């Protein structure tokens, strides 16, 4: 199973689309939900399914802010595995290039 992350109002090609297999998506989404307090339990549950969860507005900006804070030092102080760390970097680039996204 894959998770297709479709950008809303992309600013450039980086904000159009990302795809993750379930082995990559679940740890990435769990880390986001752990650090982005604006994401609700309902978001956490729906983001683990392919049902079109919409992330925009304050939640989208909170993800960008949190990813920027976590990744800005370039040092993984959070115990995040290397693959998830790399995927978080890709997600930050993606989010900075659109106005939100849907998880399909």
C-alpha atoms as a PDB file:
ATOM      1  CA  UNK A   1       0.000   0.000   0.000  1.00  0.00           C
ATOM      2  CA  UNK A   2       1.209   3.502  -0.774  1.00  0.00           C
ATOM      3  CA  UNK A   3       0.290   6.915   0.567  1.00  0.00           C
ATOM      4  CA  UNK A   4      -0.007   9.596  -2.073  1.00  0.00           C
ATOM      5  CA  UNK A   5       0.426  13.099  -0.698  1.00  0.00           C
ATOM      6  CA  UNK A   6      -1.159  15.587  -3.093  1.00  0.00           C
ATOM      7  CA  UNK A   7      -0.216  19.257  -2.764  1.00  0.00           C
ATOM      8  CA  UNK A   8      -2.860  21.983  -2.704  1.00  0.00           C
ATOM      9  CA  UNK A   9      -2.077  25.089  -4.764  1.00  0.00           C
ATOM     10  CA  UNK A  10       1.538  24.058  -5.409  1.00  0.00           C
ATOM     11  CA  UNK A  11       3.981  26.914  -5.887  1.00  0.00           C
ATOM     12  CA  UNK A  12       6.321  24.763  -8.000  1.00  0.00           C
ATOM     13  CA  UNK A  13       6.965  21.119  -8.900  1.00  0.00           C
ATOM     14  CA  UNK A  14       8.284  20.359  -5.399  1.00  0.00           C
ATOM     15  CA  UNK A  15       4.807  21.001  -4.011  1.00  0.00           C
ATOM     16  CA  UNK A  16       2.826  18.772  -6.365  1.00  0.00           C
ATOM     17  CA  UNK A  17       3.133  15.231  -5.081  1.00  0.00           C
ATOM     18  CA  UNK A  18       4.941  12.854  -2.757  1.00  0.00           C
ATOM     19  CA  UNK A  19       4.461   9.126  -2.391  1.00  0.00           C
ATOM     20  CA  UNK A  20       5.495   6.845   0.449  1.00  0.00           C
ATOM     21  CA  UNK A  21       5.012   3.138   0.974  1.00  0.00           C
ATOM     22  CA  UNK A  22       3.340   2.186   4.238  1.00  0.00           C
ATOM     23  CA  UNK A  23       6.650   1.135   5.809  1.00  0.00           C
ATOM     24  CA  UNK A  24       7.965   4.681   5.283  1.00  0.00           C
ATOM     25  CA  UNK A  25       4.729   6.612   5.855  1.00  0.00           C
ATOM     26  CA  UNK A  26       3.701   5.222   9.253  1.00  0.00           C
ATOM     27  CA  UNK A  27       6.887   6.219  11.124  1.00  0.00           C
ATOM     28  CA  UNK A  28       6.964   9.596   9.347  1.00  0.00           C
ATOM     29  CA  UNK A  29       3.314  10.349  10.201  1.00  0.00           C
ATOM     30  CA  UNK A  30       3.796   9.143  13.783  1.00  0.00           C
ATOM     31  CA  UNK A  31       6.753  11.509  14.249  1.00  0.00           C
ATOM     32  CA  UNK A  32       4.733  14.405  12.828  1.00  0.00           C
ATOM     33  CA  UNK A  33       1.840  13.670  15.166  1.00  0.00           C
ATOM     34  CA  UNK A  34       4.249  13.397  18.086  1.00  0.00           C
ATOM     35  CA  UNK A  35       5.747  16.863  17.558  1.00  0.00           C
ATOM     36  CA  UNK A  36       2.982  18.865  15.819  1.00  0.00           C
ATOM     37  CA  UNK A  37       0.536  19.555  18.624  1.00  0.00           C
ATOM     38  CA  UNK A  38      -2.035  21.067  16.258  1.00  0.00           C
ATOM     39  CA  UNK A  39      -2.648  17.619  14.773  1.00  0.00           C
ATOM     40  CA  UNK A  40      -5.525  15.915  16.573  1.00  0.00           C
ATOM     41  CA  UNK A  41      -6.063  12.248  17.415  1.00  0.00           C
ATOM     42  CA  UNK A  42      -8.564  12.183  14.553  1.00  0.00           C
ATOM     43  CA  UNK A  43      -5.895  13.568  12.196  1.00  0.00           C
ATOM     44  CA  UNK A  44      -3.467  10.925  13.439  1.00  0.00           C
ATOM     45  CA  UNK A  45      -5.958   8.143  12.745  1.00  0.00           C
ATOM     46  CA  UNK A  46      -7.125   9.458   9.356  1.00  0.00           C
ATOM     47  CA  UNK A  47      -3.547  10.197   8.269  1.00  0.00           C
ATOM     48  CA  UNK A  48      -2.814   6.499   8.688  1.00  0.00           C
ATOM     49  CA  UNK A  49      -5.485   5.664   6.102  1.00  0.00           C
ATOM     50  CA  UNK A  50      -5.920   6.576   2.457  1.00  0.00           C
ATOM     51  CA  UNK A  51      -9.112   8.577   2.901  1.00  0.00           C
ATOM     52  CA  UNK A  52      -8.127  12.043   1.692  1.00  0.00           C
ATOM     53  CA  UNK A  53      -7.353  13.764   5.000  1.00  0.00           C
ATOM     54  CA  UNK A  54      -6.965  17.486   4.310  1.00  0.00           C
ATOM     55  CA  UNK A  55      -4.118  19.333   6.014  1.00  0.00           C
ATOM     56  CA  UNK A  56      -4.158  23.077   5.405  1.00  0.00           C
ATOM     57  CA  UNK A  57      -4.202  26.411   7.217  1.00  0.00           C
ATOM     58  CA  UNK A  58      -2.839  26.394  10.762  1.00  0.00           C
ATOM     59  CA  UNK A  59      -2.073  22.673  10.719  1.00  0.00           C
ATOM     60  CA  UNK A  60      -0.053  23.023   7.522  1.00  0.00           C
ATOM     61  CA  UNK A  61       1.916  25.973   8.909  1.00  0.00           C
ATOM     62  CA  UNK A  62       2.472  24.112  12.187  1.00  0.00           C
ATOM     63  CA  UNK A  63       3.941  21.172  10.263  1.00  0.00           C
ATOM     64  CA  UNK A  64       6.316  23.497   8.399  1.00  0.00           C
ATOM     65  CA  UNK A  65       7.331  25.284  11.604  1.00  0.00           C
ATOM     66  CA  UNK A  66       7.882  22.041  13.507  1.00  0.00           C
ATOM     67  CA  UNK A  67       9.790  20.328  10.697  1.00  0.00           C
ATOM     68  CA  UNK A  68      11.974  23.396  10.318  1.00  0.00           C
ATOM     69  CA  UNK A  69      12.734  23.397  14.064  1.00  0.00           C
ATOM     70  CA  UNK A  70      13.445  19.666  14.184  1.00  0.00           C
ATOM     71  CA  UNK A  71      15.573  19.614  11.031  1.00  0.00           C
ATOM     72  CA  UNK A  72      17.291  23.017  11.229  1.00  0.00           C
ATOM     73  CA  UNK A  73      20.237  21.885  13.315  1.00  0.00           C
ATOM     74  CA  UNK A  74      21.033  19.131  10.845  1.00  0.00           C
ATOM     75  CA  UNK A  75      21.629  16.880  13.840  1.00  0.00           C
ATOM     76  CA  UNK A  76      19.192  14.125  14.681  1.00  0.00           C
ATOM     77  CA  UNK A  77      18.725  14.597  18.427  1.00  0.00           C
ATOM     78  CA  UNK A  78      15.313  12.978  18.450  1.00  0.00           C
ATOM     79  CA  UNK A  79      16.189   9.331  17.943  1.00  0.00           C
ATOM     80  CA  UNK A  80      14.528   9.321  14.533  1.00  0.00           C
ATOM     81  CA  UNK A  81      15.852   6.623  12.195  1.00  0.00           C
ATOM     82  CA  UNK A  82      17.811   7.786   9.135  1.00  0.00           C
ATOM     83  CA  UNK A  83      15.154   6.884   6.569  1.00  0.00           C
ATOM     84  CA  UNK A  84      12.414   8.730   8.460  1.00  0.00           C
ATOM     85  CA  UNK A  85      14.794  11.688   8.959  1.00  0.00           C
ATOM     86  CA  UNK A  86      15.355  11.842   5.193  1.00  0.00           C
ATOM     87  CA  UNK A  87      11.611  11.567   4.548  1.00  0.00           C
ATOM     88  CA  UNK A  88      10.932  14.418   6.998  1.00  0.00           C
ATOM     89  CA  UNK A  89      13.365  16.566   5.002  1.00  0.00           C
ATOM     90  CA  UNK A  90      11.520  15.697   1.772  1.00  0.00           C
ATOM     91  CA  UNK A  91       8.183  16.491   3.415  1.00  0.00           C
ATOM     92  CA  UNK A  92       9.456  19.901   4.571  1.00  0.00           C
ATOM     93  CA  UNK A  93      10.532  20.802   1.026  1.00  0.00           C
ATOM     94  CA  UNK A  94       7.136  19.624  -0.229  1.00  0.00           C
ATOM     95  CA  UNK A  95       5.150  21.599   2.375  1.00  0.00           C
ATOM     96  CA  UNK A  96       7.148  24.777   1.804  1.00  0.00           C
ATOM     97  CA  UNK A  97       6.125  24.515  -1.854  1.00  0.00           C
ATOM     98  CA  UNK A  98       2.332  24.356  -1.437  1.00  0.00           C
ATOM     99  CA  UNK A  99      -0.572  25.606   0.679  1.00  0.00           C
ATOM    100  CA  UNK A 100      -1.559  22.262   2.153  1.00  0.00           C
ATOM    101  CA  UNK A 101      -2.059  18.655   1.144  1.00  0.00           C
ATOM    102  CA  UNK A 102      -4.350  15.644   1.104  1.00  0.00           C
ATOM    103  CA  UNK A 103      -3.300  12.156   2.135  1.00  0.00           C
ATOM    104  CA  UNK A 104      -4.635   9.497  -0.258  1.00  0.00           C
END
